[in-house]
Amino acid sequence: MTSSAFPPPISEPDPSTFTCSSSLVGPCSGCQRSTHRYGSGGLPLCHWCMTTARESWGTGVRFNNTRTQAN
């Protein structure tokens, strides 16, 4: 997936929902978009909200992605 400058409408789920069980899908804590939220590898923020959050963290904070990439 390529990132765009503008996220799709909130009614569109985060792409992470396509690779997880529906029981692990929940609302993003930022925008309420459906995202892989619960369980191992889940995040409280969707892809777009996480990008915005990372921009405000600065260089002293690092994020370690625990999601596995599907091949």
PDB file of N, CA and C in Angstrom:
ATOM      1  N   MET A   1       0.823  -1.166   0.000  1.00  0.00           N
ATOM      2  CA  MET A   1       0.000   0.000   0.000  1.00  0.00           C
ATOM      3  C   MET A   1       0.872   1.235   0.000  1.00  0.00           C
ATOM      4  N   THR A   2       0.491   2.234  -0.764  1.00  0.00           N
ATOM      5  CA  THR A   2       1.226   3.473  -0.773  1.00  0.00           C
ATOM      6  C   THR A   2       0.478   4.492   0.047  1.00  0.00           C
ATOM      7  N   SER A   3       1.210   5.301   0.782  1.00  0.00           N
ATOM      8  CA  SER A   3       0.587   6.325   1.608  1.00  0.00           C
ATOM      9  C   SER A   3       0.240   7.515   0.741  1.00  0.00           C
ATOM     10  N   SER A   4      -0.898   8.094   0.985  1.00  0.00           N
ATOM     11  CA  SER A   4      -1.258   9.308   0.285  1.00  0.00           C
ATOM     12  C   SER A   4      -1.265  10.450   1.289  1.00  0.00           C
ATOM     13  N   ALA A   5      -1.211  11.673   0.775  1.00  0.00           N
ATOM     14  CA  ALA A   5      -1.214  12.836   1.634  1.00  0.00           C
ATOM     15  C   ALA A   5      -2.545  12.959   2.373  1.00  0.00           C
ATOM     16  N   PHE A   6      -3.605  12.509   1.743  1.00  0.00           N
ATOM     17  CA  PHE A   6      -4.928  12.601   2.340  1.00  0.00           C
ATOM     18  C   PHE A   6      -5.482  11.211   2.589  1.00  0.00           C
ATOM     19  N   PRO A   7      -5.852  10.916   3.825  1.00  0.00           N
ATOM     20  CA  PRO A   7      -6.422   9.584   4.099  1.00  0.00           C
ATOM     21  C   PRO A   7      -7.803   9.448   3.468  1.00  0.00           C
ATOM     22  N   PRO A   8      -8.214   8.220   3.217  1.00  0.00           N
ATOM     23  CA  PRO A   8      -9.566   8.006   2.690  1.00  0.00           C
ATOM     24  C   PRO A   8     -10.603   8.359   3.759  1.00  0.00           C
ATOM     25  N   PRO A   9     -11.879   8.373   3.400  1.00  0.00           N
ATOM     26  CA  PRO A   9     -12.918   8.686   4.385  1.00  0.00           C
ATOM     27  C   PRO A   9     -12.863   7.727   5.583  1.00  0.00           C
ATOM     28  N   ILE A  10     -13.354   8.177   6.717  1.00  0.00           N
ATOM     29  CA  ILE A  10     -13.362   7.379   7.947  1.00  0.00           C
ATOM     30  C   ILE A  10     -14.102   6.061   7.739  1.00  0.00           C
ATOM     31  N   SER A  11     -15.036   6.025   6.821  1.00  0.00           N
ATOM     32  CA  SER A  11     -15.786   4.795   6.574  1.00  0.00           C
ATOM     33  C   SER A  11     -14.909   3.692   5.977  1.00  0.00           C
ATOM     34  N   GLU A  12     -13.750   4.056   5.413  1.00  0.00           N
ATOM     35  CA  GLU A  12     -12.798   3.074   4.881  1.00  0.00           C
ATOM     36  C   GLU A  12     -11.936   2.563   6.026  1.00  0.00           C
ATOM     37  N   PRO A  13     -11.807   1.238   6.201  1.00  0.00           N
ATOM     38  CA  PRO A  13     -10.981   0.718   7.301  1.00  0.00           C
ATOM     39  C   PRO A  13      -9.493   0.871   7.028  1.00  0.00           C
ATOM     40  N   ASP A  14      -8.705   0.821   8.081  1.00  0.00           N
ATOM     41  CA  ASP A  14      -7.249   0.794   7.960  1.00  0.00           C
ATOM     42  C   ASP A  14      -6.869  -0.508   7.249  1.00  0.00           C
ATOM     43  N   PRO A  15      -5.876  -0.488   6.365  1.00  0.00           N
ATOM     44  CA  PRO A  15      -5.471  -1.714   5.660  1.00  0.00           C
ATOM     45  C   PRO A  15      -5.082  -2.868   6.588  1.00  0.00           C
ATOM     46  N   SER A  16      -4.704  -2.576   7.826  1.00  0.00           N
ATOM     47  CA  SER A  16      -4.320  -3.639   8.760  1.00  0.00           C
ATOM     48  C   SER A  16      -5.489  -4.565   9.072  1.00  0.00           C
ATOM     49  N   THR A  17      -6.721  -4.110   8.876  1.00  0.00           N
ATOM     50  CA  THR A  17      -7.881  -4.952   9.179  1.00  0.00           C
ATOM     51  C   THR A  17      -8.029  -6.102   8.204  1.00  0.00           C
ATOM     52  N   PHE A  18      -7.395  -6.001   7.044  1.00  0.00           N
ATOM     53  CA  PHE A  18      -7.517  -7.060   6.038  1.00  0.00           C
ATOM     54  C   PHE A  18      -6.681  -8.283   6.389  1.00  0.00           C
ATOM     55  N   THR A  19      -5.736  -8.139   7.322  1.00  0.00           N
ATOM     56  CA  THR A  19      -4.836  -9.241   7.662  1.00  0.00           C
ATOM     57  C   THR A  19      -5.068  -9.805   9.059  1.00  0.00           C
ATOM     58  N   CYS A  20      -6.132  -9.357   9.735  1.00  0.00           N
ATOM     59  CA  CYS A  20      -6.370  -9.865  11.078  1.00  0.00           C
ATOM     60  C   CYS A  20      -7.807 -10.358  11.216  1.00  0.00           C
ATOM     61  N   SER A  21      -8.034 -11.118  12.251  1.00  0.00           N
ATOM     62  CA  SER A  21      -9.360 -11.634  12.553  1.00  0.00           C
ATOM     63  C   SER A  21     -10.292 -10.480  12.898  1.00  0.00           C
ATOM     64  N   SER A  22     -11.558 -10.614  12.548  1.00  0.00           N
ATOM     65  CA  SER A  22     -12.519  -9.553  12.853  1.00  0.00           C
ATOM     66  C   SER A  22     -12.669  -9.336  14.353  1.00  0.00           C
ATOM     67  N   SER A  23     -12.311 -10.318  15.158  1.00  0.00           N
ATOM     68  CA  SER A  23     -12.400 -10.152  16.611  1.00  0.00           C
ATOM     69  C   SER A  23     -11.297  -9.224  17.137  1.00  0.00           C
ATOM     70  N   LEU A  24     -10.293  -8.919  16.306  1.00  0.00           N
ATOM     71  CA  LEU A  24      -9.200  -8.038  16.705  1.00  0.00           C
ATOM     72  C   LEU A  24      -9.357  -6.632  16.152  1.00  0.00           C
ATOM     73  N   VAL A  25     -10.459  -6.354  15.483  1.00  0.00           N
ATOM     74  CA  VAL A  25     -10.696  -5.043  14.886  1.00  0.00           C
ATOM     75  C   VAL A  25     -11.450  -4.172  15.885  1.00  0.00           C
ATOM     76  N   GLY A  26     -10.986  -2.938  16.038  1.00  0.00           N
ATOM     77  CA  GLY A  26     -11.639  -1.987  16.921  1.00  0.00           C
ATOM     78  C   GLY A  26     -11.411  -0.582  16.420  1.00  0.00           C
ATOM     79  N   PRO A  27     -11.984   0.396  17.075  1.00  0.00           N
ATOM     80  CA  PRO A  27     -11.848   1.781  16.614  1.00  0.00           C
ATOM     81  C   PRO A  27     -10.473   2.368  16.938  1.00  0.00           C
ATOM     82  N   CYS A  28      -9.961   3.167  16.020  1.00  0.00           N
ATOM     83  CA  CYS A  28      -8.734   3.925  16.250  1.00  0.00           C
ATOM     84  C   CYS A  28      -9.015   4.923  17.372  1.00  0.00           C
ATOM     85  N   SER A  29      -8.078   5.101  18.270  1.00  0.00           N
ATOM     86  CA  SER A  29      -8.307   6.031  19.370  1.00  0.00           C
ATOM     87  C   SER A  29      -8.235   7.483  18.921  1.00  0.00           C
ATOM     88  N   GLY A  30      -7.753   7.708  17.695  1.00  0.00           N
ATOM     89  CA  GLY A  30      -7.685   9.075  17.190  1.00  0.00           C
ATOM     90  C   GLY A  30      -8.890   9.478  16.372  1.00  0.00           C
ATOM     91  N   CYS A  31      -9.256   8.643  15.388  1.00  0.00           N
ATOM     92  CA  CYS A  31     -10.302   9.037  14.439  1.00  0.00           C
ATOM     93  C   CYS A  31     -11.497   8.090  14.418  1.00  0.00           C
ATOM     94  N   GLN A  32     -11.446   7.012  15.148  1.00  0.00           N
ATOM     95  CA  GLN A  32     -12.511   6.009  15.231  1.00  0.00           C
ATOM     96  C   GLN A  32     -12.639   5.130  13.987  1.00  0.00           C
ATOM     97  N   ARG A  33     -11.665   5.185  13.071  1.00  0.00           N
ATOM     98  CA  ARG A  33     -11.638   4.301  11.895  1.00  0.00           C
ATOM     99  C   ARG A  33     -11.362   2.879  12.369  1.00  0.00           C
ATOM    100  N   SER A  34     -11.934   1.882  11.722  1.00  0.00           N
ATOM    101  CA  SER A  34     -11.661   0.486  12.075  1.00  0.00           C
ATOM    102  C   SER A  34     -10.191   0.184  11.821  1.00  0.00           C
ATOM    103  N   THR A  35      -9.542  -0.423  12.812  1.00  0.00           N
ATOM    104  CA  THR A  35      -8.129  -0.768  12.693  1.00  0.00           C
ATOM    105  C   THR A  35      -7.845  -2.036  13.483  1.00  0.00           C
ATOM    106  N   HIS A  36      -6.688  -2.669  13.237  1.00  0.00           N
ATOM    107  CA  HIS A  36      -6.255  -3.852  13.996  1.00  0.00           C
ATOM    108  C   HIS A  36      -5.834  -3.341  15.363  1.00  0.00           C
ATOM    109  N   ARG A  37      -6.703  -3.488  16.316  1.00  0.00           N
ATOM    110  CA  ARG A  37      -6.535  -2.813  17.592  1.00  0.00           C
ATOM    111  C   ARG A  37      -6.180  -3.737  18.750  1.00  0.00           C
ATOM    112  N   TYR A  38      -6.720  -4.902  18.776  1.00  0.00           N
ATOM    113  CA  TYR A  38      -6.622  -5.743  19.971  1.00  0.00           C
ATOM    114  C   TYR A  38      -5.683  -6.922  19.755  1.00  0.00           C
ATOM    115  N   GLY A  39      -5.075  -7.396  20.830  1.00  0.00           N
ATOM    116  CA  GLY A  39      -4.257  -8.602  20.754  1.00  0.00           C
ATOM    117  C   GLY A  39      -2.833  -8.325  20.319  1.00  0.00           C
ATOM    118  N   SER A  40      -2.094  -9.384  20.086  1.00  0.00           N
ATOM    119  CA  SER A  40      -0.698  -9.288  19.703  1.00  0.00           C
ATOM    120  C   SER A  40      -0.550  -8.576  18.364  1.00  0.00           C
ATOM    121  N   GLY A  41       0.238  -7.526  18.342  1.00  0.00           N
ATOM    122  CA  GLY A  41       0.488  -6.795  17.110  1.00  0.00           C
ATOM    123  C   GLY A  41      -0.480  -5.663  16.842  1.00  0.00           C
ATOM    124  N   GLY A  42      -1.496  -5.503  17.664  1.00  0.00           N
ATOM    125  CA  GLY A  42      -2.469  -4.441  17.440  1.00  0.00           C
ATOM    126  C   GLY A  42      -1.972  -3.098  17.949  1.00  0.00           C
ATOM    127  N   LEU A  43      -2.470  -2.035  17.343  1.00  0.00           N
ATOM    128  CA  LEU A  43      -2.127  -0.679  17.742  1.00  0.00           C
ATOM    129  C   LEU A  43      -3.397   0.095  18.050  1.00  0.00           C
ATOM    130  N   PRO A  44      -3.338   1.071  18.948  1.00  0.00           N
ATOM    131  CA  PRO A  44      -4.533   1.871  19.218  1.00  0.00           C
ATOM    132  C   PRO A  44      -4.798   2.927  18.154  1.00  0.00           C
ATOM    133  N   LEU A  45      -3.837   3.134  17.232  1.00  0.00           N
ATOM    134  CA  LEU A  45      -3.989   4.139  16.184  1.00  0.00           C
ATOM    135  C   LEU A  45      -3.958   3.508  14.802  1.00  0.00           C
ATOM    136  N   CYS A  46      -4.750   4.050  13.879  1.00  0.00           N
ATOM    137  CA  CYS A  46      -4.714   3.588  12.490  1.00  0.00           C
ATOM    138  C   CYS A  46      -3.433   4.104  11.827  1.00  0.00           C
ATOM    139  N   HIS A  47      -3.193   3.665  10.629  1.00  0.00           N
ATOM    140  CA  HIS A  47      -1.999   4.035   9.865  1.00  0.00           C
ATOM    141  C   HIS A  47      -1.840   5.550   9.764  1.00  0.00           C
ATOM    142  N   TRP A  48      -2.920   6.254   9.469  1.00  0.00           N
ATOM    143  CA  TRP A  48      -2.848   7.694   9.256  1.00  0.00           C
ATOM    144  C   TRP A  48      -2.646   8.457  10.556  1.00  0.00           C
ATOM    145  N   CYS A  49      -3.321   8.059  11.623  1.00  0.00           N
ATOM    146  CA  CYS A  49      -3.127   8.715  12.927  1.00  0.00           C
ATOM    147  C   CYS A  49      -1.733   8.427  13.474  1.00  0.00           C
ATOM    148  N   MET A  50      -1.206   7.225  13.239  1.00  0.00           N
ATOM    149  CA  MET A  50       0.140   6.886  13.691  1.00  0.00           C
ATOM    150  C   MET A  50       1.177   7.744  12.967  1.00  0.00           C
ATOM    151  N   THR A  51       0.980   7.999  11.681  1.00  0.00           N
ATOM    152  CA  THR A  51       1.902   8.835  10.920  1.00  0.00           C
ATOM    153  C   THR A  51       1.946  10.241  11.506  1.00  0.00           C
ATOM    154  N   THR A  52       0.788  10.781  11.822  1.00  0.00           N
ATOM    155  CA  THR A  52       0.713  12.112  12.425  1.00  0.00           C
ATOM    156  C   THR A  52       1.385  12.123  13.795  1.00  0.00           C
ATOM    157  N   ALA A  53       1.166  11.096  14.586  1.00  0.00           N
ATOM    158  CA  ALA A  53       1.771  11.013  15.916  1.00  0.00           C
ATOM    159  C   ALA A  53       3.288  10.934  15.822  1.00  0.00           C
ATOM    160  N   ARG A  54       3.800  10.136  14.892  1.00  0.00           N
ATOM    161  CA  ARG A  54       5.251   9.999  14.731  1.00  0.00           C
ATOM    162  C   ARG A  54       5.900  11.331  14.387  1.00  0.00           C
ATOM    163  N   GLU A  55       5.230  12.136  13.569  1.00  0.00           N
ATOM    164  CA  GLU A  55       5.780  13.436  13.168  1.00  0.00           C
ATOM    165  C   GLU A  55       5.963  14.351  14.369  1.00  0.00           C
ATOM    166  N   SER A  56       5.122  14.215  15.380  1.00  0.00           N
ATOM    167  CA  SER A  56       5.227  15.091  16.549  1.00  0.00           C
ATOM    168  C   SER A  56       6.137  14.531  17.643  1.00  0.00           C
ATOM    169  N   TRP A  57       6.605  13.290  17.520  1.00  0.00           N
ATOM    170  CA  TRP A  57       7.441  12.689  18.554  1.00  0.00           C
ATOM    171  C   TRP A  57       8.834  13.282  18.626  1.00  0.00           C
ATOM    172  N   GLY A  58       9.424  13.616  17.510  1.00  0.00           N
ATOM    173  CA  GLY A  58      10.805  14.087  17.497  1.00  0.00           C
ATOM    174  C   GLY A  58      11.768  12.924  17.368  1.00  0.00           C
ATOM    175  N   THR A  59      13.046  13.208  17.494  1.00  0.00           N
ATOM    176  CA  THR A  59      14.075  12.188  17.261  1.00  0.00           C
ATOM    177  C   THR A  59      14.369  11.327  18.479  1.00  0.00           C
ATOM    178  N   GLY A  60      13.918  11.735  19.664  1.00  0.00           N
ATOM    179  CA  GLY A  60      14.230  10.989  20.876  1.00  0.00           C
ATOM    180  C   GLY A  60      13.327   9.794  21.128  1.00  0.00           C
ATOM    181  N   VAL A  61      12.255   9.654  20.356  1.00  0.00           N
ATOM    182  CA  VAL A  61      11.299   8.569  20.565  1.00  0.00           C
ATOM    183  C   VAL A  61      11.337   7.641  19.362  1.00  0.00           C
ATOM    184  N   ARG A  62      11.354   6.347  19.635  1.00  0.00           N
ATOM    185  CA  ARG A  62      11.332   5.364  18.549  1.00  0.00           C
ATOM    186  C   ARG A  62      10.120   4.474  18.721  1.00  0.00           C
ATOM    187  N   PHE A  63       9.552   4.056  17.606  1.00  0.00           N
ATOM    188  CA  PHE A  63       8.407   3.153  17.618  1.00  0.00           C
ATOM    189  C   PHE A  63       8.852   1.830  17.037  1.00  0.00           C
ATOM    190  N   ASN A  64       8.577   0.747  17.737  1.00  0.00           N
ATOM    191  CA  ASN A  64       8.946  -0.585  17.288  1.00  0.00           C
ATOM    192  C   ASN A  64       7.688  -1.288  16.804  1.00  0.00           C
ATOM    193  N   ASN A  65       7.548  -1.472  15.505  1.00  0.00           N
ATOM    194  CA  ASN A  65       6.364  -2.102  14.931  1.00  0.00           C
ATOM    195  C   ASN A  65       6.385  -3.593  15.236  1.00  0.00           C
ATOM    196  N   THR A  66       5.308  -4.088  15.831  1.00  0.00           N
ATOM    197  CA  THR A  66       5.234  -5.499  16.179  1.00  0.00           C
ATOM    198  C   THR A  66       4.380  -6.298  15.204  1.00  0.00           C
ATOM    199  N   ARG A  67       3.839  -5.631  14.195  1.00  0.00           N
ATOM    200  CA  ARG A  67       3.049  -6.358  13.204  1.00  0.00           C
ATOM    201  C   ARG A  67       3.955  -7.127  12.274  1.00  0.00           C
ATOM    202  N   THR A  68       3.500  -8.282  11.857  1.00  0.00           N
ATOM    203  CA  THR A  68       4.278  -9.071  10.915  1.00  0.00           C
ATOM    204  C   THR A  68       3.793  -8.782   9.510  1.00  0.00           C
ATOM    205  N   GLN A  69       4.697  -8.768   8.578  1.00  0.00           N
ATOM    206  CA  GLN A  69       4.343  -8.526   7.181  1.00  0.00           C
ATOM    207  C   GLN A  69       3.914  -9.825   6.525  1.00  0.00           C
ATOM    208  N   ALA A  70       2.791  -9.790   5.825  1.00  0.00           N
ATOM    209  CA  ALA A  70       2.339 -10.956   5.076  1.00  0.00           C
ATOM    210  C   ALA A  70       3.088 -11.016   3.769  1.00  0.00           C
ATOM    211  N   ASN A  71       3.626 -12.166   3.425  1.00  0.00           N
ATOM    212  CA  ASN A  71       4.362 -12.305   2.167  1.00  0.00           C
ATOM    213  C   ASN A  71       3.470 -12.832   1.092  1.00  0.00           C
TER     214      ASN A  71
END
